[in-house]
PDB file of N, CA and C in Angstrom:
ATOM      1  N   MET A   1     177.215 226.082  78.324  1.00  0.00           N
ATOM      2  CA  MET A   1     177.919 226.855  77.302  1.00  0.00           C
ATOM      3  C   MET A   1     178.210 225.935  76.118  1.00  0.00           C
ATOM      4  N   SER A   2     177.860 226.391  74.958  1.00  0.00           N
ATOM      5  CA  SER A   2     178.108 225.607  73.750  1.00  0.00           C
ATOM      6  C   SER A   2     179.511 225.896  73.217  1.00  0.00           C
ATOM      7  N   ARG A   3     180.031 224.934  72.482  1.00  0.00           N
ATOM      8  CA  ARG A   3     181.350 225.139  71.893  1.00  0.00           C
ATOM      9  C   ARG A   3     181.479 224.295  70.636  1.00  0.00           C
ATOM     10  N   TYR A   4     182.340 224.766  69.744  1.00  0.00           N
ATOM     11  CA  TYR A   4     182.611 224.078  68.486  1.00  0.00           C
ATOM     12  C   TYR A   4     184.102 223.779  68.436  1.00  0.00           C
ATOM     13  N   LEU A   5     184.465 222.542  68.137  1.00  0.00           N
ATOM     14  CA  LEU A   5     185.870 222.170  67.991  1.00  0.00           C
ATOM     15  C   LEU A   5     186.269 222.360  66.538  1.00  0.00           C
ATOM     16  N   THR A   6     187.261 223.187  66.300  1.00  0.00           N
ATOM     17  CA  THR A   6     187.689 223.454  64.929  1.00  0.00           C
ATOM     18  C   THR A   6     188.424 222.243  64.369  1.00  0.00           C
ATOM     19  N   THR A   7     188.345 222.095  63.068  1.00  0.00           N
ATOM     20  CA  THR A   7     188.929 220.937  62.391  1.00  0.00           C
ATOM     21  C   THR A   7     190.227 221.310  61.679  1.00  0.00           C
ATOM     22  N   GLU A   8     190.910 220.302  61.196  1.00  0.00           N
ATOM     23  CA  GLU A   8     192.120 220.540  60.397  1.00  0.00           C
ATOM     24  C   GLU A   8     191.767 221.287  59.112  1.00  0.00           C
ATOM     25  N   ASP A   9     190.602 220.990  58.526  1.00  0.00           N
ATOM     26  CA  ASP A   9     190.151 221.716  57.327  1.00  0.00           C
ATOM     27  C   ASP A   9     189.924 223.194  57.637  1.00  0.00           C
ATOM     28  N   ASP A  10     189.355 223.496  58.808  1.00  0.00           N
ATOM     29  CA  ASP A  10     189.178 224.894  59.225  1.00  0.00           C
ATOM     30  C   ASP A  10     190.531 225.595  59.292  1.00  0.00           C
ATOM     31  N   PHE A  11     191.520 224.904  59.840  1.00  0.00           N
ATOM     32  CA  PHE A  11     192.851 225.482  59.976  1.00  0.00           C
ATOM     33  C   PHE A  11     193.487 225.726  58.612  1.00  0.00           C
ATOM     34  N   LEU A  12     193.295 224.830  57.658  1.00  0.00           N
ATOM     35  CA  LEU A  12     193.838 225.027  56.311  1.00  0.00           C
ATOM     36  C   LEU A  12     193.229 226.260  55.656  1.00  0.00           C
ATOM     37  N   ILE A  13     191.940 226.485  55.850  1.00  0.00           N
ATOM     38  CA  ILE A  13     191.289 227.697  55.331  1.00  0.00           C
ATOM     39  C   ILE A  13     191.912 228.929  55.980  1.00  0.00           C
ATOM     40  N   PHE A  14     192.127 228.867  57.275  1.00  0.00           N
ATOM     41  CA  PHE A  14     192.762 229.957  58.019  1.00  0.00           C
ATOM     42  C   PHE A  14     194.154 230.254  57.459  1.00  0.00           C
ATOM     43  N   GLN A  15     194.948 229.211  57.219  1.00  0.00           N
ATOM     44  CA  GLN A  15     196.296 229.389  56.671  1.00  0.00           C
ATOM     45  C   GLN A  15     196.262 230.044  55.294  1.00  0.00           C
ATOM     46  N   GLU A  16     195.354 229.618  54.435  1.00  0.00           N
ATOM     47  CA  GLU A  16     195.219 230.228  53.106  1.00  0.00           C
ATOM     48  C   GLU A  16     194.902 231.711  53.221  1.00  0.00           C
ATOM     49  N   ALA A  17     194.036 232.052  54.152  1.00  0.00           N
ATOM     50  CA  ALA A  17     193.665 233.452  54.330  1.00  0.00           C
ATOM     51  C   ALA A  17     194.839 234.273  54.862  1.00  0.00           C
ATOM     52  N   VAL A  18     195.646 233.689  55.727  1.00  0.00           N
ATOM     53  CA  VAL A  18     196.830 234.386  56.240  1.00  0.00           C
ATOM     54  C   VAL A  18     197.769 234.732  55.091  1.00  0.00           C
ATOM     55  N   VAL A  19     198.039 233.774  54.219  1.00  0.00           N
ATOM     56  CA  VAL A  19     198.917 234.017  53.075  1.00  0.00           C
ATOM     57  C   VAL A  19     198.320 235.093  52.163  1.00  0.00           C
ATOM     58  N   HIS A  20     197.015 235.026  51.935  1.00  0.00           N
ATOM     59  CA  HIS A  20     196.335 236.043  51.106  1.00  0.00           C
ATOM     60  C   HIS A  20     196.576 237.444  51.671  1.00  0.00           C
ATOM     61  N   TRP A  21     196.328 237.626  52.981  1.00  0.00           N
ATOM     62  CA  TRP A  21     196.471 238.952  53.579  1.00  0.00           C
ATOM     63  C   TRP A  21     197.927 239.378  53.684  1.00  0.00           C
ATOM     64  N   GLN A  22     198.832 238.449  53.859  1.00  0.00           N
ATOM     65  CA  GLN A  22     200.247 238.802  53.890  1.00  0.00           C
ATOM     66  C   GLN A  22     200.650 239.420  52.551  1.00  0.00           C
ATOM     67  N   ARG A  23     200.219 238.809  51.473  1.00  0.00           N
ATOM     68  CA  ARG A  23     200.524 239.337  50.136  1.00  0.00           C
ATOM     69  C   ARG A  23     199.787 240.647  49.877  1.00  0.00           C
ATOM     70  N   ARG A  24     198.520 240.681  50.217  1.00  0.00           N
ATOM     71  CA  ARG A  24     197.683 241.865  49.950  1.00  0.00           C
ATOM     72  C   ARG A  24     198.192 243.090  50.708  1.00  0.00           C
ATOM     73  N   LEU A  25     198.699 242.884  51.915  1.00  0.00           N
ATOM     74  CA  LEU A  25     199.199 243.995  52.720  1.00  0.00           C
ATOM     75  C   LEU A  25     200.683 244.284  52.473  1.00  0.00           C
ATOM     76  N   GLY A  26     201.306 243.506  51.582  1.00  0.00           N
ATOM     77  CA  GLY A  26     202.699 243.746  51.233  1.00  0.00           C
ATOM     78  C   GLY A  26     203.690 243.383  52.329  1.00  0.00           C
ATOM     79  N   LEU A  27     203.339 242.408  53.137  1.00  0.00           N
ATOM     80  CA  LEU A  27     204.215 241.983  54.231  1.00  0.00           C
ATOM     81  C   LEU A  27     205.103 240.820  53.797  1.00  0.00           C
ATOM     82  N   LEU A  28     205.648 240.933  52.606  1.00  0.00           N
ATOM     83  CA  LEU A  28     206.417 239.831  52.034  1.00  0.00           C
ATOM     84  C   LEU A  28     207.763 239.614  52.715  1.00  0.00           C
ATOM     85  N   ASP A  29     208.247 240.635  53.429  1.00  0.00           N
ATOM     86  CA  ASP A  29     209.513 240.479  54.138  1.00  0.00           C
ATOM     87  C   ASP A  29     209.295 240.028  55.588  1.00  0.00           C
ATOM     88  N   TRP A  30     208.067 239.684  55.940  1.00  0.00           N
ATOM     89  CA  TRP A  30     207.736 239.180  57.271  1.00  0.00           C
ATOM     90  C   TRP A  30     207.682 237.654  57.253  1.00  0.00           C
ATOM     91  N   HIS A  31     208.058 237.050  58.366  1.00  0.00           N
ATOM     92  CA  HIS A  31     207.876 235.616  58.574  1.00  0.00           C
ATOM     93  C   HIS A  31     206.628 235.456  59.423  1.00  0.00           C
ATOM     94  N   ILE A  32     205.613 234.849  58.855  1.00  0.00           N
ATOM     95  CA  ILE A  32     204.358 234.668  59.567  1.00  0.00           C
ATOM     96  C   ILE A  32     204.114 233.173  59.749  1.00  0.00           C
ATOM     97  N   TYR A  33     203.991 232.791  60.994  1.00  0.00           N
ATOM     98  CA  TYR A  33     203.783 231.398  61.357  1.00  0.00           C
ATOM     99  C   TYR A  33     202.348 231.218  61.833  1.00  0.00           C
ATOM    100  N   THR A  34     201.785 230.056  61.580  1.00  0.00           N
ATOM    101  CA  THR A  34     200.433 229.771  62.042  1.00  0.00           C
ATOM    102  C   THR A  34     200.445 228.508  62.892  1.00  0.00           C
ATOM    103  N   ARG A  35     199.600 228.517  63.900  1.00  0.00           N
ATOM    104  CA  ARG A  35     199.479 227.374  64.799  1.00  0.00           C
ATOM    105  C   ARG A  35     197.998 227.093  65.032  1.00  0.00           C
ATOM    106  N   HIS A  36     197.660 225.824  65.096  1.00  0.00           N
ATOM    107  CA  HIS A  36     196.289 225.398  65.394  1.00  0.00           C
ATOM    108  C   HIS A  36     196.280 224.957  66.849  1.00  0.00           C
ATOM    109  N   LYS A  37     196.131 225.948  67.735  1.00  0.00           N
ATOM    110  CA  LYS A  37     196.262 225.703  69.161  1.00  0.00           C
ATOM    111  C   LYS A  37     195.518 226.804  69.912  1.00  0.00           C
ATOM    112  N   THR A  38     194.820 226.436  70.960  1.00  0.00           N
ATOM    113  CA  THR A  38     194.149 227.445  71.775  1.00  0.00           C
ATOM    114  C   THR A  38     195.194 228.114  72.651  1.00  0.00           C
ATOM    115  N   ARG A  39     195.437 229.367  72.382  1.00  0.00           N
ATOM    116  CA  ARG A  39     196.442 230.127  73.134  1.00  0.00           C
ATOM    117  C   ARG A  39     195.785 230.975  74.220  1.00  0.00           C
ATOM    118  N   ASP A  40     194.676 231.589  73.869  1.00  0.00           N
ATOM    119  CA  ASP A  40     193.928 232.430  74.793  1.00  0.00           C
ATOM    120  C   ASP A  40     192.506 231.893  74.880  1.00  0.00           C
ATOM    121  N   ARG A  41     192.083 231.549  76.048  1.00  0.00           N
ATOM    122  CA  ARG A  41     190.821 230.851  76.236  1.00  0.00           C
ATOM    123  C   ARG A  41     189.634 231.532  75.556  1.00  0.00           C
ATOM    124  N   ASP A  42     189.541 232.840  75.627  1.00  0.00           N
ATOM    125  CA  ASP A  42     188.380 233.547  75.093  1.00  0.00           C
ATOM    126  C   ASP A  42     188.568 234.054  73.661  1.00  0.00           C
ATOM    127  N   ALA A  43     189.725 233.825  73.079  1.00  0.00           N
ATOM    128  CA  ALA A  43     189.987 234.324  71.721  1.00  0.00           C
ATOM    129  C   ALA A  43     189.712 233.243  70.683  1.00  0.00           C
ATOM    130  N   GLN A  44     189.180 233.655  69.548  1.00  0.00           N
ATOM    131  CA  GLN A  44     188.984 232.730  68.436  1.00  0.00           C
ATOM    132  C   GLN A  44     190.257 232.622  67.619  1.00  0.00           C
ATOM    133  N   ALA A  45     191.021 233.678  67.655  1.00  0.00           N
ATOM    134  CA  ALA A  45     192.346 233.710  67.026  1.00  0.00           C
ATOM    135  C   ALA A  45     193.145 234.783  67.755  1.00  0.00           C
ATOM    136  N   SER A  46     194.456 234.638  67.735  1.00  0.00           N
ATOM    137  CA  SER A  46     195.290 235.652  68.375  1.00  0.00           C
ATOM    138  C   SER A  46     196.605 235.771  67.621  1.00  0.00           C
ATOM    139  N   CYS A  47     197.231 236.933  67.790  1.00  0.00           N
ATOM    140  CA  CYS A  47     198.469 237.224  67.072  1.00  0.00           C
ATOM    141  C   CYS A  47     199.516 237.717  68.059  1.00  0.00           C
ATOM    142  N   TYR A  48     200.703 237.184  67.909  1.00  0.00           N
ATOM    143  CA  TYR A  48     201.832 237.597  68.730  1.00  0.00           C
ATOM    144  C   TYR A  48     202.929 238.108  67.798  1.00  0.00           C
ATOM    145  N   PRO A  49     202.980 239.431  67.579  1.00  0.00           N
ATOM    146  CA  PRO A  49     203.963 239.995  66.654  1.00  0.00           C
ATOM    147  C   PRO A  49     205.285 240.347  67.334  1.00  0.00           C
ATOM    148  N   ASP A  50     206.332 240.317  66.544  1.00  0.00           N
ATOM    149  CA  ASP A  50     207.641 240.834  66.933  1.00  0.00           C
ATOM    150  C   ASP A  50     207.981 241.858  65.861  1.00  0.00           C
ATOM    151  N   LEU A  51     207.625 243.115  66.125  1.00  0.00           N
ATOM    152  CA  LEU A  51     207.757 244.154  65.103  1.00  0.00           C
ATOM    153  C   LEU A  51     209.200 244.352  64.654  1.00  0.00           C
ATOM    154  N   SER A  52     210.120 244.380  65.603  1.00  0.00           N
ATOM    155  CA  SER A  52     211.517 244.617  65.216  1.00  0.00           C
ATOM    156  C   SER A  52     212.094 243.438  64.433  1.00  0.00           C
ATOM    157  N   GLY A  53     211.625 242.233  64.712  1.00  0.00           N
ATOM    158  CA  GLY A  53     212.099 241.046  64.007  1.00  0.00           C
ATOM    159  C   GLY A  53     211.302 240.727  62.753  1.00  0.00           C
ATOM    160  N   ARG A  54     210.239 241.509  62.520  1.00  0.00           N
ATOM    161  CA  ARG A  54     209.361 241.301  61.357  1.00  0.00           C
ATOM    162  C   ARG A  54     208.864 239.865  61.264  1.00  0.00           C
ATOM    163  N   CYS A  55     208.330 239.396  62.384  1.00  0.00           N
ATOM    164  CA  CYS A  55     207.716 238.079  62.379  1.00  0.00           C
ATOM    165  C   CYS A  55     206.499 238.099  63.305  1.00  0.00           C
ATOM    166  N   ALA A  56     205.616 237.176  63.064  1.00  0.00           N
ATOM    167  CA  ALA A  56     204.412 237.069  63.883  1.00  0.00           C
ATOM    168  C   ALA A  56     203.942 235.624  63.885  1.00  0.00           C
ATOM    169  N   THR A  57     203.311 235.242  64.972  1.00  0.00           N
ATOM    170  CA  THR A  57     202.678 233.929  65.057  1.00  0.00           C
ATOM    171  C   THR A  57     201.195 234.150  65.263  1.00  0.00           C
ATOM    172  N   LEU A  58     200.390 233.566  64.378  1.00  0.00           N
ATOM    173  CA  LEU A  58     198.941 233.642  64.488  1.00  0.00           C
ATOM    174  C   LEU A  58     198.418 232.295  64.947  1.00  0.00           C
ATOM    175  N   TYR A  59     197.627 232.325  65.988  1.00  0.00           N
ATOM    176  CA  TYR A  59     197.040 231.107  66.548  1.00  0.00           C
ATOM    177  C   TYR A  59     195.560 231.051  66.184  1.00  0.00           C
ATOM    178  N   ARG A  60     195.137 229.931  65.670  1.00  0.00           N
ATOM    179  CA  ARG A  60     193.725 229.654  65.414  1.00  0.00           C
ATOM    180  C   ARG A  60     193.278 228.718  66.510  1.00  0.00           C
ATOM    181  N   SER A  61     192.351 229.160  67.344  1.00  0.00           N
ATOM    182  CA  SER A  61     191.916 228.369  68.484  1.00  0.00           C
ATOM    183  C   SER A  61     191.277 227.062  68.051  1.00  0.00           C
ATOM    184  N   LYS A  62     191.523 226.032  68.834  1.00  0.00           N
ATOM    185  CA  LYS A  62     190.911 224.730  68.560  1.00  0.00           C
ATOM    186  C   LYS A  62     189.476 224.668  69.055  1.00  0.00           C
ATOM    187  N   VAL A  63     189.122 225.564  69.972  1.00  0.00           N
ATOM    188  CA  VAL A  63     187.773 225.575  70.540  1.00  0.00           C
ATOM    189  C   VAL A  63     187.173 226.964  70.365  1.00  0.00           C
ATOM    190  N   LEU A  64     185.977 227.020  69.806  1.00  0.00           N
ATOM    191  CA  LEU A  64     185.225 228.268  69.712  1.00  0.00           C
ATOM    192  C   LEU A  64     184.080 228.182  70.709  1.00  0.00           C
ATOM    193  N   HIS A  65     184.058 229.087  71.656  1.00  0.00           N
ATOM    194  CA  HIS A  65     183.001 229.090  72.660  1.00  0.00           C
ATOM    195  C   HIS A  65     181.779 229.817  72.117  1.00  0.00           C
ATOM    196  N   ASN A  66     180.616 229.402  72.546  1.00  0.00           N
ATOM    197  CA  ASN A  66     179.329 229.976  72.144  1.00  0.00           C
ATOM    198  C   ASN A  66     178.968 229.690  70.690  1.00  0.00           C
ATOM    199  N   TYR A  67     179.451 228.582  70.171  1.00  0.00           N
ATOM    200  CA  TYR A  67     179.092 228.129  68.819  1.00  0.00           C
ATOM    201  C   TYR A  67     178.580 226.698  68.910  1.00  0.00           C
ATOM    202  N   ASP A  68     177.412 226.450  68.351  1.00  0.00           N
ATOM    203  CA  ASP A  68     176.848 225.100  68.334  1.00  0.00           C
ATOM    204  C   ASP A  68     177.220 224.355  67.059  1.00  0.00           C
ATOM    205  N   GLU A  69     177.562 225.095  66.029  1.00  0.00           N
ATOM    206  CA  GLU A  69     177.829 224.482  64.732  1.00  0.00           C
ATOM    207  C   GLU A  69     178.953 225.224  64.026  1.00  0.00           C
ATOM    208  N   HIS A  70     179.330 224.722  62.878  1.00  0.00           N
ATOM    209  CA  HIS A  70     180.409 225.317  62.080  1.00  0.00           C
ATOM    210  C   HIS A  70     180.083 226.779  61.778  1.00  0.00           C
ATOM    211  N   PRO A  71     181.011 227.695  62.054  1.00  0.00           N
ATOM    212  CA  PRO A  71     180.731 229.117  61.845  1.00  0.00           C
ATOM    213  C   PRO A  71     180.748 229.562  60.384  1.00  0.00           C
ATOM    214  N   GLY A  72     181.272 228.742  59.486  1.00  0.00           N
ATOM    215  CA  GLY A  72     181.301 229.081  58.070  1.00  0.00           C
ATOM    216  C   GLY A  72     182.676 229.525  57.602  1.00  0.00           C
ATOM    217  N   GLU A  73     182.941 229.292  56.326  1.00  0.00           N
ATOM    218  CA  GLU A  73     184.261 229.586  55.755  1.00  0.00           C
ATOM    219  C   GLU A  73     184.577 231.080  55.777  1.00  0.00           C
ATOM    220  N   THR A  74     183.593 231.924  55.499  1.00  0.00           N
ATOM    221  CA  THR A  74     183.820 233.376  55.501  1.00  0.00           C
ATOM    222  C   THR A  74     184.292 233.839  56.872  1.00  0.00           C
ATOM    223  N   PHE A  75     183.661 233.337  57.907  1.00  0.00           N
ATOM    224  CA  PHE A  75     184.047 233.693  59.269  1.00  0.00           C
ATOM    225  C   PHE A  75     185.488 233.267  59.547  1.00  0.00           C
ATOM    226  N   ILE A  76     185.849 232.068  59.136  1.00  0.00           N
ATOM    227  CA  ILE A  76     187.207 231.560  59.366  1.00  0.00           C
ATOM    228  C   ILE A  76     188.225 232.433  58.640  1.00  0.00           C
ATOM    229  N   ARG A  77     187.932 232.813  57.415  1.00  0.00           N
ATOM    230  CA  ARG A  77     188.859 233.656  56.652  1.00  0.00           C
ATOM    231  C   ARG A  77     189.038 235.029  57.309  1.00  0.00           C
ATOM    232  N   ARG A  78     188.001 235.557  57.912  1.00  0.00           N
ATOM    233  CA  ARG A  78     188.100 236.862  58.574  1.00  0.00           C
ATOM    234  C   ARG A  78     188.918 236.798  59.853  1.00  0.00           C
ATOM    235  N   MET A  79     188.981 235.637  60.472  1.00  0.00           N
ATOM    236  CA  MET A  79     189.684 235.506  61.743  1.00  0.00           C
ATOM    237  C   MET A  79     191.169 235.822  61.630  1.00  0.00           C
ATOM    238  N   CYS A  80     191.794 235.562  60.502  1.00  0.00           N
ATOM    239  CA  CYS A  80     193.219 235.820  60.381  1.00  0.00           C
ATOM    240  C   CYS A  80     193.507 237.315  60.306  1.00  0.00           C
ATOM    241  N   PHE A  81     192.511 238.099  59.938  1.00  0.00           N
ATOM    242  CA  PHE A  81     192.700 239.547  59.827  1.00  0.00           C
ATOM    243  C   PHE A  81     192.290 240.268  61.102  1.00  0.00           C
ATOM    244  N   PHE A  82     191.249 239.787  61.728  1.00  0.00           N
ATOM    245  CA  PHE A  82     190.730 240.418  62.953  1.00  0.00           C
ATOM    246  C   PHE A  82     191.104 239.572  64.161  1.00  0.00           C
ATOM    247  N   THR A  83     192.345 239.620  64.574  1.00  0.00           N
ATOM    248  CA  THR A  83     192.801 238.834  65.711  1.00  0.00           C
ATOM    249  C   THR A  83     193.058 239.750  66.894  1.00  0.00           C
ATOM    250  N   ASP A  84     193.030 239.172  68.063  1.00  0.00           N
ATOM    251  CA  ASP A  84     193.453 239.896  69.263  1.00  0.00           C
ATOM    252  C   ASP A  84     194.968 239.921  69.224  1.00  0.00           C
ATOM    253  N   SER A  85     195.544 241.085  69.449  1.00  0.00           N
ATOM    254  CA  SER A  85     196.989 241.211  69.353  1.00  0.00           C
ATOM    255  C   SER A  85     197.590 241.554  70.715  1.00  0.00           C
ATOM    256  N   TYR A  86     198.681 240.881  71.036  1.00  0.00           N
ATOM    257  CA  TYR A  86     199.375 241.109  72.302  1.00  0.00           C
ATOM    258  C   TYR A  86     200.837 241.358  72.021  1.00  0.00           C
ATOM    259  N   ARG A  87     201.480 242.135  72.880  1.00  0.00           N
ATOM    260  CA  ARG A  87     202.916 242.397  72.736  1.00  0.00           C
ATOM    261  C   ARG A  87     203.644 242.014  73.987  1.00  0.00           C
TER     262      ARG A  87
END
């Protein structure tokens, strides 16, 4: 099984995209935290929201399975929007 280890630069791109979507979706009264940590083994990114508290933590996995090389900046930016969500 191939895997790609994400870099600090990948995480910075992810963080920029999170801020972009927070503003674009009008979630300015939400506290959104980001972490560069593998939380779910099979997820590339995951989100843990607290709807009543208006906060969420988005995790960008440190390991991407089934990738031999860098997936590209566009892919990284999309990950903050298309995350697996758990409650």
